[in-house]
Structure formats: C-alpha cells, structure tokens
Amino acid sequence: PEIVKVNEKEVVYRVNNCLFFELALKHTEMVCEVMDAGVETGLTETMNPNWKIERLKCAGHGDDTCEFALRLK
C-alpha cells in the first residue's frame, strides 16, 4: 500500500495493485465488501478495536485506485 496521510487519528492509504482486481470487476460487491470487512476485522481484532475503515475509492467500482481511511471512532 501507498501511505497518503498519517496523523494520530487517521491513516489514509492506497492500493494500486489489488490481487483481486480482475475478479472484483466481475463481482464487485462480493469481492470488495468481503475484503473491506476482512481488513477491518483484522485491524480491530489485532491492533485496536476503535479503528473504523472507510473506502474512499474503489477500482472495482471504476475509480483509478482503491483508497481507504482508517479512523479512530
């Protein structure tokens, strides 16, 4: 991932080379929603239960990249 922004309450990062891109183009909701949920669960269970992830951009939905914001609740 490419880190776009970091401060004590937020991390914004981009994924320009998603391993599931081709599959996501065919099954966008299934692939992207499952990946988002998996990342959020992994982060909250292993690092901090107060993190919330928000998808800002999604290549599967036609954006030029996937971009996410991790924010403290």
C-alpha atoms as a PDB file:
ATOM      1  CA  PRO A   1       0.000   0.000   0.000  1.00  0.00           C
ATOM      2  CA  GLU A   2       0.956   3.625  -0.532  1.00  0.00           C
ATOM      3  CA  ILE A   3       0.526   5.825   2.538  1.00  0.00           C
ATOM      4  CA  VAL A   4      -1.227   9.071   1.594  1.00  0.00           C
ATOM      5  CA  LYS A   5      -1.764  10.690   5.003  1.00  0.00           C
ATOM      6  CA  VAL A   6      -0.939   9.860   8.622  1.00  0.00           C
ATOM      7  CA  ASN A   7      -1.776  11.578  11.884  1.00  0.00           C
ATOM      8  CA  GLU A   8      -2.757  10.420  15.368  1.00  0.00           C
ATOM      9  CA  LYS A   9      -6.415   9.872  14.404  1.00  0.00           C
ATOM     10  CA  GLU A  10      -6.286   8.849  10.748  1.00  0.00           C
ATOM     11  CA  VAL A  11      -4.313   6.834   8.216  1.00  0.00           C
ATOM     12  CA  VAL A  12      -5.197   7.116   4.529  1.00  0.00           C
ATOM     13  CA  TYR A  13      -3.676   4.582   2.164  1.00  0.00           C
ATOM     14  CA  ARG A  14      -3.950   3.461  -1.473  1.00  0.00           C
ATOM     15  CA  VAL A  15      -3.771   0.038  -3.020  1.00  0.00           C
ATOM     16  CA  ASN A  16      -2.706   0.316  -6.666  1.00  0.00           C
ATOM     17  CA  ASN A  17      -2.143  -3.381  -7.333  1.00  0.00           C
ATOM     18  CA  CYS A  18      -5.090  -5.280  -5.863  1.00  0.00           C
ATOM     19  CA  LEU A  19      -4.636  -9.033  -6.199  1.00  0.00           C
ATOM     20  CA  PHE A  20      -8.375  -9.394  -6.739  1.00  0.00           C
ATOM     21  CA  PHE A  21      -8.838  -6.610  -9.330  1.00  0.00           C
ATOM     22  CA  GLU A  22      -9.970  -8.787 -12.249  1.00  0.00           C
ATOM     23  CA  LEU A  23     -12.346 -10.749 -10.042  1.00  0.00           C
ATOM     24  CA  ALA A  24     -13.612  -7.511  -8.491  1.00  0.00           C
ATOM     25  CA  LEU A  25     -14.552  -6.189 -11.928  1.00  0.00           C
ATOM     26  CA  LYS A  26     -16.873  -9.172 -12.404  1.00  0.00           C
ATOM     27  CA  HIS A  27     -18.171  -9.476  -8.822  1.00  0.00           C
ATOM     28  CA  THR A  28     -17.574  -6.036  -7.355  1.00  0.00           C
ATOM     29  CA  GLU A  29     -19.930  -6.083  -4.396  1.00  0.00           C
ATOM     30  CA  MET A  30     -18.956  -9.554  -3.275  1.00  0.00           C
ATOM     31  CA  VAL A  31     -15.187  -9.098  -3.568  1.00  0.00           C
ATOM     32  CA  CYS A  32     -14.846  -5.508  -2.379  1.00  0.00           C
ATOM     33  CA  GLU A  33     -17.305  -5.779   0.512  1.00  0.00           C
ATOM     34  CA  VAL A  34     -15.716  -9.007   1.768  1.00  0.00           C
ATOM     35  CA  MET A  35     -12.211  -7.541   1.530  1.00  0.00           C
ATOM     36  CA  ASP A  36     -13.255  -4.365   3.374  1.00  0.00           C
ATOM     37  CA  ALA A  37     -14.882  -6.373   6.157  1.00  0.00           C
ATOM     38  CA  GLY A  38     -11.857  -8.656   6.438  1.00  0.00           C
ATOM     39  CA  VAL A  39      -9.392  -5.789   6.703  1.00  0.00           C
ATOM     40  CA  GLU A  40     -11.497  -4.001   9.310  1.00  0.00           C
ATOM     41  CA  THR A  41     -11.958  -7.163  11.373  1.00  0.00           C
ATOM     42  CA  GLY A  42      -8.250  -7.946  11.206  1.00  0.00           C
ATOM     43  CA  LEU A  43      -7.237  -4.449  12.275  1.00  0.00           C
ATOM     44  CA  THR A  44      -9.727  -4.155  15.093  1.00  0.00           C
ATOM     45  CA  GLU A  45      -9.015  -7.613  16.488  1.00  0.00           C
ATOM     46  CA  THR A  46      -5.221  -7.413  16.298  1.00  0.00           C
ATOM     47  CA  MET A  47      -4.416  -3.722  16.759  1.00  0.00           C
ATOM     48  CA  ASN A  48      -7.156  -1.510  18.144  1.00  0.00           C
ATOM     49  CA  PRO A  49     -10.905  -2.127  18.470  1.00  0.00           C
ATOM     50  CA  ASN A  50     -11.535   1.592  17.986  1.00  0.00           C
ATOM     51  CA  TRP A  51     -10.458   1.683  14.318  1.00  0.00           C
ATOM     52  CA  LYS A  52     -13.097   2.151  11.621  1.00  0.00           C
ATOM     53  CA  ILE A  53     -12.294   1.727   7.928  1.00  0.00           C
ATOM     54  CA  GLU A  54     -13.918   3.755   5.159  1.00  0.00           C
ATOM     55  CA  ARG A  55     -13.468   3.031   1.461  1.00  0.00           C
ATOM     56  CA  LEU A  56     -12.839   6.347  -0.307  1.00  0.00           C
ATOM     57  CA  LYS A  57     -12.155   4.989  -3.805  1.00  0.00           C
ATOM     58  CA  CYS A  58     -12.613   1.584  -5.380  1.00  0.00           C
ATOM     59  CA  ALA A  59     -11.075   0.347  -8.642  1.00  0.00           C
ATOM     60  CA  GLY A  60     -13.765  -2.337  -8.790  1.00  0.00           C
ATOM     61  CA  HIS A  61     -16.352   0.459  -8.901  1.00  0.00           C
ATOM     62  CA  GLY A  62     -14.487   2.345 -11.642  1.00  0.00           C
ATOM     63  CA  ASP A  63     -12.052   4.547  -9.722  1.00  0.00           C
ATOM     64  CA  ASP A  64      -8.392   4.728 -10.771  1.00  0.00           C
ATOM     65  CA  THR A  65      -7.258   3.132  -7.479  1.00  0.00           C
ATOM     66  CA  CYS A  66      -8.533   1.772  -4.191  1.00  0.00           C
ATOM     67  CA  GLU A  67      -8.153   4.193  -1.304  1.00  0.00           C
ATOM     68  CA  PHE A  68      -9.087   3.730   2.336  1.00  0.00           C
ATOM     69  CA  ALA A  69      -9.178   5.802   5.505  1.00  0.00           C
ATOM     70  CA  LEU A  70      -8.616   4.230   8.905  1.00  0.00           C
ATOM     71  CA  ARG A  71     -10.017   6.461  11.597  1.00  0.00           C
ATOM     72  CA  LEU A  72     -10.362   6.230  15.329  1.00  0.00           C
ATOM     73  CA  LYS A  73     -14.008   6.038  16.381  1.00  0.00           C
END
